[in-house]
C-alpha atoms as a PDB file:
ATOM      1  CA  MET A   1      -0.076  -0.182   0.128  1.00  0.00           C
ATOM      2  CA  LYS A   2       1.563   3.541  -1.315  1.00  0.00           C
ATOM      3  CA  LYS A   3       1.625   6.052   1.750  1.00  0.00           C
ATOM      4  CA  VAL A   4      -0.863   9.205   1.124  1.00  0.00           C
ATOM      5  CA  ARG A   5       2.243  11.802   0.825  1.00  0.00           C
ATOM      6  CA  LYS A   6       0.561  14.485  -1.577  1.00  0.00           C
ATOM      7  CA  ALA A   7      -2.453  17.328  -1.449  1.00  0.00           C
ATOM      8  CA  VAL A   8      -3.900  18.768  -4.297  1.00  0.00           C
ATOM      9  CA  PHE A   9      -5.735  22.252  -2.842  1.00  0.00           C
ATOM     10  CA  PRO A  10      -7.779  23.452  -6.021  1.00  0.00           C
ATOM     11  CA  VAL A  11      -7.887  27.685  -5.900  1.00  0.00           C
ATOM     12  CA  ALA A  12      -8.651  28.767  -8.984  1.00  0.00           C
ATOM     13  CA  GLY A  13     -12.329  29.793  -8.420  1.00  0.00           C
ATOM     14  CA  LEU A  14     -12.883  33.338  -8.993  1.00  0.00           C
ATOM     15  CA  GLY A  15     -14.496  34.112  -5.285  1.00  0.00           C
ATOM     16  CA  THR A  16     -17.338  36.218  -6.811  1.00  0.00           C
ATOM     17  CA  ARG A  17     -19.531  35.981  -4.126  1.00  0.00           C
ATOM     18  CA  PHE A  18     -16.974  38.371  -2.218  1.00  0.00           C
ATOM     19  CA  LEU A  19     -16.966  40.925  -5.011  1.00  0.00           C
ATOM     20  CA  PRO A  20     -15.418  43.833  -4.825  1.00  0.00           C
ATOM     21  CA  ALA A  21     -13.259  42.163  -1.910  1.00  0.00           C
ATOM     22  CA  THR A  22     -11.521  39.475  -4.237  1.00  0.00           C
ATOM     23  CA  LYS A  23     -11.656  41.745  -7.191  1.00  0.00           C
ATOM     24  CA  SER A  24      -7.563  42.083  -6.672  1.00  0.00           C
ATOM     25  CA  ILE A  25      -7.605  39.644  -3.579  1.00  0.00           C
ATOM     26  CA  PRO A  26      -7.863  35.909  -4.211  1.00  0.00           C
ATOM     27  CA  LYS A  27     -10.482  34.316  -1.709  1.00  0.00           C
ATOM     28  CA  GLU A  28      -8.342  32.149  -0.339  1.00  0.00           C
ATOM     29  CA  MET A  29      -6.111  34.772   0.755  1.00  0.00           C
ATOM     30  CA  LEU A  30      -9.169  36.419   3.004  1.00  0.00           C
ATOM     31  CA  THR A  31      -8.306  36.272   6.551  1.00  0.00           C
ATOM     32  CA  VAL A  32      -9.999  34.160   9.850  1.00  0.00           C
ATOM     33  CA  VAL A  33      -8.791  35.630  12.455  1.00  0.00           C
ATOM     34  CA  ASP A  34      -4.734  36.422  11.862  1.00  0.00           C
ATOM     35  CA  ARG A  35      -4.463  33.789   8.759  1.00  0.00           C
ATOM     36  CA  PRO A  36      -5.643  33.215   5.336  1.00  0.00           C
ATOM     37  CA  VAL A  37      -7.867  30.731   4.532  1.00  0.00           C
ATOM     38  CA  ILE A  38      -5.550  28.535   2.626  1.00  0.00           C
ATOM     39  CA  GLN A  39      -3.445  28.362   5.745  1.00  0.00           C
ATOM     40  CA  TYR A  40      -5.738  26.651   7.430  1.00  0.00           C
ATOM     41  CA  VAL A  41      -6.554  23.934   5.360  1.00  0.00           C
ATOM     42  CA  VAL A  42      -2.590  23.453   4.620  1.00  0.00           C
ATOM     43  CA  ASP A  43      -2.109  23.046   8.165  1.00  0.00           C
ATOM     44  CA  GLU A  44      -4.427  20.654   8.520  1.00  0.00           C
ATOM     45  CA  ALA A  45      -2.909  18.802   5.501  1.00  0.00           C
ATOM     46  CA  ARG A  46       0.476  18.965   7.241  1.00  0.00           C
ATOM     47  CA  GLU A  47      -0.301  17.620  10.466  1.00  0.00           C
ATOM     48  CA  ALA A  48      -1.937  14.926   8.289  1.00  0.00           C
ATOM     49  CA  GLY A  49       1.614  14.059   7.492  1.00  0.00           C
ATOM     50  CA  ILE A  50       1.626  15.225   3.855  1.00  0.00           C
ATOM     51  CA  GLU A  51       4.442  15.813   2.685  1.00  0.00           C
ATOM     52  CA  HIS A  52       3.957  17.844  -1.049  1.00  0.00           C
ATOM     53  CA  PHE A  53       1.481  20.269  -1.257  1.00  0.00           C
ATOM     54  CA  ILE A  54       0.188  20.969  -5.029  1.00  0.00           C
ATOM     55  CA  PHE A  55      -1.936  24.021  -5.957  1.00  0.00           C
ATOM     56  CA  VAL A  56      -4.206  24.257  -8.651  1.00  0.00           C
ATOM     57  CA  THR A  57      -4.184  28.179  -9.213  1.00  0.00           C
ATOM     58  CA  GLY A  58      -5.799  30.661 -11.838  1.00  0.00           C
ATOM     59  CA  ARG A  59      -4.660  34.276 -12.959  1.00  0.00           C
ATOM     60  CA  ASN A  60      -4.339  36.961 -10.359  1.00  0.00           C
ATOM     61  CA  LYS A  61      -3.941  33.961  -8.093  1.00  0.00           C
ATOM     62  CA  ALA A  62       0.078  34.447  -7.400  1.00  0.00           C
ATOM     63  CA  VAL A  63       0.122  35.816  -4.206  1.00  0.00           C
ATOM     64  CA  ILE A  64      -0.534  32.603  -2.550  1.00  0.00           C
ATOM     65  CA  GLU A  65       2.463  31.181  -4.111  1.00  0.00           C
ATOM     66  CA  ASP A  66       4.336  34.184  -2.653  1.00  0.00           C
ATOM     67  CA  HIS A  67       2.593  33.430   0.908  1.00  0.00           C
ATOM     68  CA  PHE A  68       4.147  30.497   0.941  1.00  0.00           C
ATOM     69  CA  ASP A  69       7.427  31.398   0.378  1.00  0.00           C
ATOM     70  CA  VAL A  70      10.004  33.075   2.600  1.00  0.00           C
ATOM     71  CA  GLN A  71       9.949  36.639   2.695  1.00  0.00           C
ATOM     72  CA  PHE A  72      14.028  37.764   3.399  1.00  0.00           C
ATOM     73  CA  GLU A  73      13.578  41.478   4.127  1.00  0.00           C
ATOM     74  CA  LEU A  74      10.678  40.449   6.634  1.00  0.00           C
ATOM     75  CA  TYR A  75      11.845  37.810   8.203  1.00  0.00           C
ATOM     76  CA  ASP A  76      15.190  40.093   8.491  1.00  0.00           C
ATOM     77  CA  THR A  77      13.521  43.156  10.283  1.00  0.00           C
ATOM     78  CA  LEU A  78      11.783  41.018  12.500  1.00  0.00           C
ATOM     79  CA  ALA A  79      14.651  39.476  13.921  1.00  0.00           C
ATOM     80  CA  GLN A  80      16.267  43.295  14.147  1.00  0.00           C
ATOM     81  CA  ARG A  81      13.468  44.138  16.000  1.00  0.00           C
ATOM     82  CA  GLY A  82      13.442  41.234  18.345  1.00  0.00           C
ATOM     83  CA  LYS A  83      10.313  40.259  17.525  1.00  0.00           C
ATOM     84  CA  ASP A  84      11.707  36.629  17.851  1.00  0.00           C
ATOM     85  CA  ASP A  85       8.001  34.840  18.721  1.00  0.00           C
ATOM     86  CA  GLN A  86       6.149  36.596  15.260  1.00  0.00           C
ATOM     87  CA  LEU A  87       9.620  35.608  13.295  1.00  0.00           C
ATOM     88  CA  SER A  88       9.508  31.622  15.115  1.00  0.00           C
ATOM     89  CA  ARG A  89       5.662  31.710  13.870  1.00  0.00           C
ATOM     90  CA  LEU A  90       5.945  32.605  10.206  1.00  0.00           C
ATOM     91  CA  GLN A  91       8.722  29.676  10.429  1.00  0.00           C
ATOM     92  CA  ARG A  92       6.948  26.980  11.330  1.00  0.00           C
ATOM     93  CA  LEU A  93       4.201  27.772   8.751  1.00  0.00           C
ATOM     94  CA  GLN A  94       6.802  27.796   6.210  1.00  0.00           C
ATOM     95  CA  PRO A  95       6.766  24.479   3.950  1.00  0.00           C
ATOM     96  CA  ALA A  96      10.339  23.298   3.152  1.00  0.00           C
ATOM     97  CA  PRO A  97      12.237  23.616  -0.124  1.00  0.00           C
ATOM     98  CA  GLY A  98      10.713  21.404  -3.026  1.00  0.00           C
ATOM     99  CA  GLN A  99       7.063  21.130  -0.486  1.00  0.00           C
ATOM    100  CA  THR A 100       4.890  23.205  -2.860  1.00  0.00           C
ATOM    101  CA  SER A 101       4.213  22.614  -6.413  1.00  0.00           C
ATOM    102  CA  PHE A 102       1.731  25.062  -8.477  1.00  0.00           C
ATOM    103  CA  THR A 103      -0.263  24.319 -11.848  1.00  0.00           C
ATOM    104  CA  ARG A 104      -2.673  26.325 -13.788  1.00  0.00           C
ATOM    105  CA  GLN A 105      -6.302  25.724 -14.618  1.00  0.00           C
ATOM    106  CA  GLN A 106      -6.339  27.567 -17.650  1.00  0.00           C
ATOM    107  CA  VAL A 107     -10.352  27.485 -18.215  1.00  0.00           C
ATOM    108  CA  PRO A 108     -12.313  27.379 -15.312  1.00  0.00           C
ATOM    109  CA  LEU A 109     -14.379  23.768 -16.352  1.00  0.00           C
ATOM    110  CA  GLY A 110     -15.143  22.187 -12.695  1.00  0.00           C
ATOM    111  CA  LEU A 111     -13.749  20.815 -10.100  1.00  0.00           C
ATOM    112  CA  GLY A 112     -13.598  17.661 -11.606  1.00  0.00           C
ATOM    113  CA  HIS A 113     -11.145  19.497 -14.271  1.00  0.00           C
ATOM    114  CA  ALA A 114      -9.208  21.592 -12.054  1.00  0.00           C
ATOM    115  CA  VAL A 115      -7.924  17.833 -10.310  1.00  0.00           C
ATOM    116  CA  TRP A 116      -7.148  16.344 -13.502  1.00  0.00           C
ATOM    117  CA  CYS A 117      -4.831  19.359 -14.020  1.00  0.00           C
ATOM    118  CA  ALA A 118      -3.305  17.823 -11.465  1.00  0.00           C
ATOM    119  CA  ARG A 119      -2.490  14.671 -12.528  1.00  0.00           C
ATOM    120  CA  ASP A 120       1.242  14.806 -13.530  1.00  0.00           C
ATOM    121  CA  LEU A 121       2.263  16.444 -10.199  1.00  0.00           C
ATOM    122  CA  VAL A 122       0.494  13.546  -7.870  1.00  0.00           C
ATOM    123  CA  GLY A 123       1.824  10.458 -10.755  1.00  0.00           C
ATOM    124  CA  ASN A 124       0.833   7.242  -9.793  1.00  0.00           C
ATOM    125  CA  GLU A 125      -0.048   7.363  -6.067  1.00  0.00           C
ATOM    126  CA  PRO A 126      -3.060   7.762  -3.771  1.00  0.00           C
ATOM    127  CA  PHE A 127      -3.319  11.391  -3.403  1.00  0.00           C
ATOM    128  CA  ALA A 128      -5.575  13.870  -0.254  1.00  0.00           C
ATOM    129  CA  LEU A 129      -7.989  16.582  -1.756  1.00  0.00           C
ATOM    130  CA  LEU A 130      -8.782  19.314  -0.040  1.00  0.00           C
ATOM    131  CA  LEU A 131     -11.404  22.369  -1.003  1.00  0.00           C
ATOM    132  CA  PRO A 132     -10.322  24.900   0.411  1.00  0.00           C
ATOM    133  CA  ASP A 133     -13.393  27.062   1.058  1.00  0.00           C
ATOM    134  CA  MET A 134     -14.508  24.219   3.678  1.00  0.00           C
ATOM    135  CA  ILE A 135     -12.568  24.784   6.923  1.00  0.00           C
ATOM    136  CA  MET A 136     -12.872  22.387   9.894  1.00  0.00           C
ATOM    137  CA  GLN A 137     -12.578  23.028  13.629  1.00  0.00           C
ATOM    138  CA  MET A 138     -11.183  19.423  15.752  1.00  0.00           C
ATOM    139  CA  ASP A 139      -8.611  18.943  17.944  1.00  0.00           C
ATOM    140  CA  GLN A 140      -7.324  16.298  15.662  1.00  0.00           C
ATOM    141  CA  SER A 141      -7.167  17.100  12.027  1.00  0.00           C
ATOM    142  CA  CYS A 142      -9.910  15.909   9.765  1.00  0.00           C
ATOM    143  CA  LEU A 143      -7.748  14.388   6.956  1.00  0.00           C
ATOM    144  CA  LYS A 144      -5.225  12.978   9.628  1.00  0.00           C
ATOM    145  CA  GLN A 145      -8.080  10.469  10.837  1.00  0.00           C
ATOM    146  CA  MET A 146      -9.248   9.915   7.093  1.00  0.00           C
ATOM    147  CA  VAL A 147      -5.488   9.003   6.840  1.00  0.00           C
ATOM    148  CA  GLU A 148      -5.951   6.798   9.517  1.00  0.00           C
ATOM    149  CA  LEU A 149      -8.692   5.101   7.625  1.00  0.00           C
ATOM    150  CA  TYR A 150      -7.135   4.831   4.722  1.00  0.00           C
ATOM    151  CA  GLU A 151      -4.027   2.946   6.248  1.00  0.00           C
ATOM    152  CA  GLN A 152      -6.350   0.389   7.285  1.00  0.00           C
ATOM    153  CA  THR A 153      -8.646  -0.301   4.019  1.00  0.00           C
ATOM    154  CA  GLY A 154      -6.009   1.149   1.168  1.00  0.00           C
ATOM    155  CA  SER A 155      -8.691   2.566  -0.678  1.00  0.00           C
ATOM    156  CA  ASN A 156     -10.689   5.486  -1.562  1.00  0.00           C
ATOM    157  CA  ILE A 157     -11.994   7.820   1.454  1.00  0.00           C
ATOM    158  CA  VAL A 158     -14.836  10.251   1.837  1.00  0.00           C
ATOM    159  CA  ALA A 159     -15.176  12.269   4.519  1.00  0.00           C
ATOM    160  CA  VAL A 160     -18.734  12.913   5.379  1.00  0.00           C
ATOM    161  CA  GLN A 161     -21.163  15.226   8.073  1.00  0.00           C
ATOM    162  CA  GLU A 162     -24.681  15.041   8.759  1.00  0.00           C
ATOM    163  CA  CYS A 163     -27.358  17.912   7.626  1.00  0.00           C
ATOM    164  CA  ASP A 164     -30.777  18.509   8.700  1.00  0.00           C
ATOM    165  CA  PRO A 165     -32.502  15.888   6.178  1.00  0.00           C
ATOM    166  CA  ALA A 166     -34.818  18.551   4.551  1.00  0.00           C
ATOM    167  CA  GLU A 167     -31.778  19.956   2.910  1.00  0.00           C
ATOM    168  CA  THR A 168     -30.150  16.753   1.283  1.00  0.00           C
ATOM    169  CA  HIS A 169     -30.739  18.561  -1.802  1.00  0.00           C
ATOM    170  CA  LYS A 170     -28.272  20.848  -1.742  1.00  0.00           C
ATOM    171  CA  TYR A 171     -25.159  18.435  -1.428  1.00  0.00           C
ATOM    172  CA  GLY A 172     -23.742  15.351  -2.304  1.00  0.00           C
ATOM    173  CA  ILE A 173     -24.735  12.756  -0.119  1.00  0.00           C
ATOM    174  CA  VAL A 174     -23.217   9.267   0.448  1.00  0.00           C
ATOM    175  CA  GLY A 175     -25.350   6.009   1.350  1.00  0.00           C
ATOM    176  CA  ARG A 176     -23.890   4.388   5.073  1.00  0.00           C
ATOM    177  CA  GLY A 177     -23.574   0.477   4.865  1.00  0.00           C
ATOM    178  CA  ARG A 178     -21.945  -1.708   7.331  1.00  0.00           C
ATOM    179  CA  GLU A 179     -19.139   0.024   9.895  1.00  0.00           C
ATOM    180  CA  VAL A 180     -15.442  -0.761   8.634  1.00  0.00           C
ATOM    181  CA  HIS A 181     -12.690   0.024  11.250  1.00  0.00           C
ATOM    182  CA  SER A 182     -13.326   3.731  12.272  1.00  0.00           C
ATOM    183  CA  GLY A 183     -15.694   4.172   9.335  1.00  0.00           C
ATOM    184  CA  PHE A 184     -18.018   2.669   6.970  1.00  0.00           C
ATOM    185  CA  GLU A 185     -18.607   1.191   3.536  1.00  0.00           C
ATOM    186  CA  ILE A 186     -20.082   3.831   0.948  1.00  0.00           C
ATOM    187  CA  THR A 187     -23.213   2.029  -0.681  1.00  0.00           C
ATOM    188  CA  GLY A 188     -24.007   5.100  -3.329  1.00  0.00           C
ATOM    189  CA  MET A 189     -23.571   9.042  -4.284  1.00  0.00           C
ATOM    190  CA  VAL A 190     -26.414  11.128  -5.021  1.00  0.00           C
ATOM    191  CA  GLU A 191     -25.290  14.358  -6.044  1.00  0.00           C
ATOM    192  CA  LYS A 192     -28.570  16.842  -4.637  1.00  0.00           C
ATOM    193  CA  PRO A 193     -30.829  14.572  -4.517  1.00  0.00           C
ATOM    194  CA  LYS A 194     -34.440  14.993  -4.861  1.00  0.00           C
ATOM    195  CA  PRO A 195     -36.177  15.838  -1.479  1.00  0.00           C
ATOM    196  CA  GLY A 196     -37.410  12.554  -0.421  1.00  0.00           C
ATOM    197  CA  THR A 197     -34.898  10.430  -2.638  1.00  0.00           C
ATOM    198  CA  SER A 198     -31.559  10.920  -0.466  1.00  0.00           C
ATOM    199  CA  PRO A 199     -30.144   7.614   0.714  1.00  0.00           C
ATOM    200  CA  SER A 200     -29.196   9.267   3.746  1.00  0.00           C
ATOM    201  CA  ASN A 201     -28.450  13.034   5.313  1.00  0.00           C
ATOM    202  CA  LEU A 202     -24.408  12.330   5.373  1.00  0.00           C
ATOM    203  CA  TYR A 203     -23.327  14.781   3.097  1.00  0.00           C
ATOM    204  CA  ILE A 204     -19.603  15.471   1.241  1.00  0.00           C
ATOM    205  CA  ASN A 205     -17.649  17.745   3.492  1.00  0.00           C
ATOM    206  CA  GLY A 206     -14.828  18.852   0.852  1.00  0.00           C
ATOM    207  CA  ARG A 207     -12.215  16.173   1.918  1.00  0.00           C
ATOM    208  CA  TYR A 208     -11.048  13.143  -0.047  1.00  0.00           C
ATOM    209  CA  ILE A 209      -8.428  10.635  -0.042  1.00  0.00           C
ATOM    210  CA  LEU A 210      -8.846   9.330  -3.738  1.00  0.00           C
ATOM    211  CA  GLN A 211      -6.856   6.631  -5.708  1.00  0.00           C
ATOM    212  CA  PRO A 212      -4.918   7.468  -9.066  1.00  0.00           C
ATOM    213  CA  GLU A 213      -6.706   6.069 -11.296  1.00  0.00           C
ATOM    214  CA  ILE A 214      -9.468   8.729 -11.065  1.00  0.00           C
ATOM    215  CA  PHE A 215      -6.944  10.767 -13.381  1.00  0.00           C
ATOM    216  CA  ASP A 216      -7.559   8.389 -16.493  1.00  0.00           C
ATOM    217  CA  ILE A 217     -11.879   8.994 -15.787  1.00  0.00           C
ATOM    218  CA  LEU A 218     -11.455  12.170 -15.602  1.00  0.00           C
ATOM    219  CA  GLU A 219      -9.499  12.770 -19.277  1.00  0.00           C
ATOM    220  CA  GLY A 220     -11.967  11.414 -21.107  1.00  0.00           C
ATOM    221  CA  GLN A 221     -15.367  12.710 -18.640  1.00  0.00           C
ATOM    222  CA  GLU A 222     -18.428  14.566 -20.009  1.00  0.00           C
ATOM    223  CA  LYS A 223     -19.500  17.850 -18.772  1.00  0.00           C
ATOM    224  CA  GLY A 224     -22.311  17.360 -16.494  1.00  0.00           C
ATOM    225  CA  ALA A 225     -23.991  19.415 -14.118  1.00  0.00           C
ATOM    226  CA  GLY A 226     -23.353  23.422 -14.378  1.00  0.00           C
ATOM    227  CA  ASN A 227     -21.867  22.651 -17.902  1.00  0.00           C
ATOM    228  CA  GLU A 228     -18.744  21.560 -16.533  1.00  0.00           C
ATOM    229  CA  ILE A 229     -16.392  18.623 -15.269  1.00  0.00           C
ATOM    230  CA  GLN A 230     -18.103  17.523 -11.939  1.00  0.00           C
ATOM    231  CA  LEU A 231     -15.438  14.973  -9.260  1.00  0.00           C
ATOM    232  CA  THR A 232     -18.829  13.415  -8.650  1.00  0.00           C
ATOM    233  CA  ASP A 233     -19.460  11.678 -11.826  1.00  0.00           C
ATOM    234  CA  ALA A 234     -16.142  10.435 -11.909  1.00  0.00           C
ATOM    235  CA  MET A 235     -16.161   9.180  -8.372  1.00  0.00           C
ATOM    236  CA  LEU A 236     -19.485   7.323  -9.613  1.00  0.00           C
ATOM    237  CA  LYS A 237     -17.541   5.443 -12.598  1.00  0.00           C
ATOM    238  CA  LEU A 238     -14.726   4.729 -10.043  1.00  0.00           C
ATOM    239  CA  GLU A 239     -17.221   3.769  -7.432  1.00  0.00           C
ATOM    240  CA  LYS A 240     -17.877   0.670 -10.095  1.00  0.00           C
ATOM    241  CA  GLU A 241     -14.270  -0.685  -9.634  1.00  0.00           C
ATOM    242  CA  GLN A 242     -12.909   0.551  -5.978  1.00  0.00           C
ATOM    243  CA  PRO A 243     -14.213   0.546  -2.745  1.00  0.00           C
ATOM    244  CA  PHE A 244     -15.138   3.846  -0.952  1.00  0.00           C
ATOM    245  CA  TYR A 245     -15.291   4.349   2.775  1.00  0.00           C
ATOM    246  CA  GLY A 246     -16.567   7.204   4.330  1.00  0.00           C
ATOM    247  CA  TYR A 247     -15.388   8.908   7.360  1.00  0.00           C
ATOM    248  CA  HIS A 248     -18.079  10.311  10.027  1.00  0.00           C
ATOM    249  CA  TYR A 249     -16.204  13.936  10.865  1.00  0.00           C
ATOM    250  CA  GLN A 250     -17.138  15.045  14.460  1.00  0.00           C
ATOM    251  CA  GLY A 251     -15.740  18.489  14.187  1.00  0.00           C
ATOM    252  CA  ARG A 252     -17.237  21.725  12.967  1.00  0.00           C
ATOM    253  CA  THR A 253     -16.857  22.631   9.402  1.00  0.00           C
ATOM    254  CA  PHE A 254     -17.249  26.268   7.906  1.00  0.00           C
ATOM    255  CA  ASP A 255     -17.838  27.098   4.708  1.00  0.00           C
ATOM    256  CA  CYS A 256     -16.038  30.521   3.644  1.00  0.00           C
ATOM    257  CA  GLY A 257     -17.032  30.739   0.447  1.00  0.00           C
ATOM    258  CA  SER A 258     -20.262  31.915   1.501  1.00  0.00           C
ATOM    259  CA  PRO A 259     -20.096  35.511   3.751  1.00  0.00           C
ATOM    260  CA  GLU A 260     -22.056  34.222   6.348  1.00  0.00           C
ATOM    261  CA  GLY A 261     -19.517  31.091   6.285  1.00  0.00           C
ATOM    262  CA  PHE A 262     -16.832  33.122   6.539  1.00  0.00           C
ATOM    263  CA  VAL A 263     -18.234  35.839   9.243  1.00  0.00           C
ATOM    264  CA  GLU A 264     -19.067  32.478  11.417  1.00  0.00           C
ATOM    265  CA  ALA A 265     -15.382  31.086  11.024  1.00  0.00           C
ATOM    266  CA  ASN A 266     -14.012  34.468  12.194  1.00  0.00           C
ATOM    267  CA  VAL A 267     -15.880  34.344  15.346  1.00  0.00           C
ATOM    268  CA  ALA A 268     -15.436  30.862  16.191  1.00  0.00           C
ATOM    269  CA  PHE A 269     -11.934  30.732  15.782  1.00  0.00           C
ATOM    270  CA  ALA A 270     -11.683  33.424  17.720  1.00  0.00           C
ATOM    271  CA  LEU A 271     -13.207  32.254  20.419  1.00  0.00           C
ATOM    272  CA  TRP A 272     -11.543  28.759  19.827  1.00  0.00           C
ATOM    273  CA  ARG A 273      -8.428  31.077  20.608  1.00  0.00           C
ATOM    274  CA  PRO A 274      -7.343  31.285  24.524  1.00  0.00           C
ATOM    275  CA  ASP A 275      -5.708  34.864  24.371  1.00  0.00           C
ATOM    276  CA  MET A 276      -9.224  36.041  22.460  1.00  0.00           C
ATOM    277  CA  HIS A 277     -11.798  33.818  23.863  1.00  0.00           C
ATOM    278  CA  GLU A 278     -12.864  36.341  27.075  1.00  0.00           C
ATOM    279  CA  ASN A 279     -12.181  39.692  25.158  1.00  0.00           C
ATOM    280  CA  VAL A 280     -14.517  38.003  21.641  1.00  0.00           C
ATOM    281  CA  ALA A 281     -17.023  37.224  24.131  1.00  0.00           C
ATOM    282  CA  ASP A 282     -17.592  40.327  25.889  1.00  0.00           C
ATOM    283  CA  MET A 283     -17.734  41.752  22.427  1.00  0.00           C
ATOM    284  CA  LEU A 284     -20.225  39.324  20.911  1.00  0.00           C
ATOM    285  CA  GLU A 285     -22.304  39.767  23.914  1.00  0.00           C
ATOM    286  CA  ARG A 286     -22.569  43.894  23.789  1.00  0.00           C
ATOM    287  CA  MET A 287     -23.451  43.714  20.408  1.00  0.00           C
ATOM    288  CA  LEU A 288     -26.306  41.478  20.913  1.00  0.00           C
ATOM    289  CA  ARG A 289     -27.615  43.623  23.440  1.00  0.00           C
ATOM    290  CA  ASP A 290     -26.787  47.045  21.384  1.00  0.00           C
ATOM    291  CA  LEU A 291     -28.462  45.397  18.480  1.00  0.00           C
ATOM    292  CA  ARG A 292     -32.019  44.602  20.418  1.00  0.00           C
ATOM    293  CA  PRO A 293     -33.340  48.255  20.907  1.00  0.00           C
ATOM    294  CA  MET A 294     -32.225  48.680  17.150  1.00  0.00           C
ATOM    295  CA  GLU A 295     -34.468  45.786  16.456  1.00  0.00           C
ATOM    296  CA  ARG A 296     -37.628  47.331  18.344  1.00  0.00           C
ATOM    297  CA  ARG A 297     -37.308  50.851  16.215  1.00  0.00           C
ATOM    298  CA  ARG A 298     -36.892  49.416  13.540  1.00  0.00           C
ATOM    299  CA  ALA A 299     -39.974  47.023  13.791  1.00  0.00           C
ATOM    300  CA  GLN A 300     -41.817  50.543  15.298  1.00  0.00           C
ATOM    301  CA  ARG A 301     -41.202  52.280  11.976  1.00  0.00           C
END
């Protein structure tokens, strides 16, 4: 069984839901508290033992590459000013030389196409796929636990979470089979099932471990929903040849691809930090207290 050493991060999206902020700043570089969204996802992969970070980028995304590069002037300035804690923190986040690779998705043809663009960098080995819009909050990395399940099964792994049964039509949903080690057999996958037809309320939350055979399928994959090459369509074909297992993630997931999810993530991660929890909690209480009279005045108009 080959080790999961590489992770793919599709970061070519335009981020139109965040315009005008994303007109010149990639949505992946918007900050949750004091770190870009993409940093949280890379940190999750690093904790899982990933050794090679592969970014599928697009135009106007060069700042992502700069973020993961060494900035000698900044490091030197911090050292001269005695800001050793900040310097040490930046150096800990810095990937080692040769650990990052970047390739372009020239045309936005969907997630499946973005994954296919990484085929030569991944090669003939299993790889992790992390959607950068989704950031996780848990004591242990979601991907790390998925890697542990992969080492027990040697096959494709998909992380899932529960959603409101009335909202299954919004997500990719999996069917749940028998328990296997720390996961379960996936008995089927349905993309946005019609109300009343969903096999469960377990939705795919943006974390995958896939076998390299997915690239051959994606190469010939026809366009699907949204006139794009869909990863789910390729996974359904691969499922006929290889087993898929689900890992039921128990932590919190924040969809930073939506403004509401992005705001929620900022609040949640600020409250998560011991150095900020008390002040942020007090601030939120004050804001809610001040908001109630404002809402009453609006209702009286």
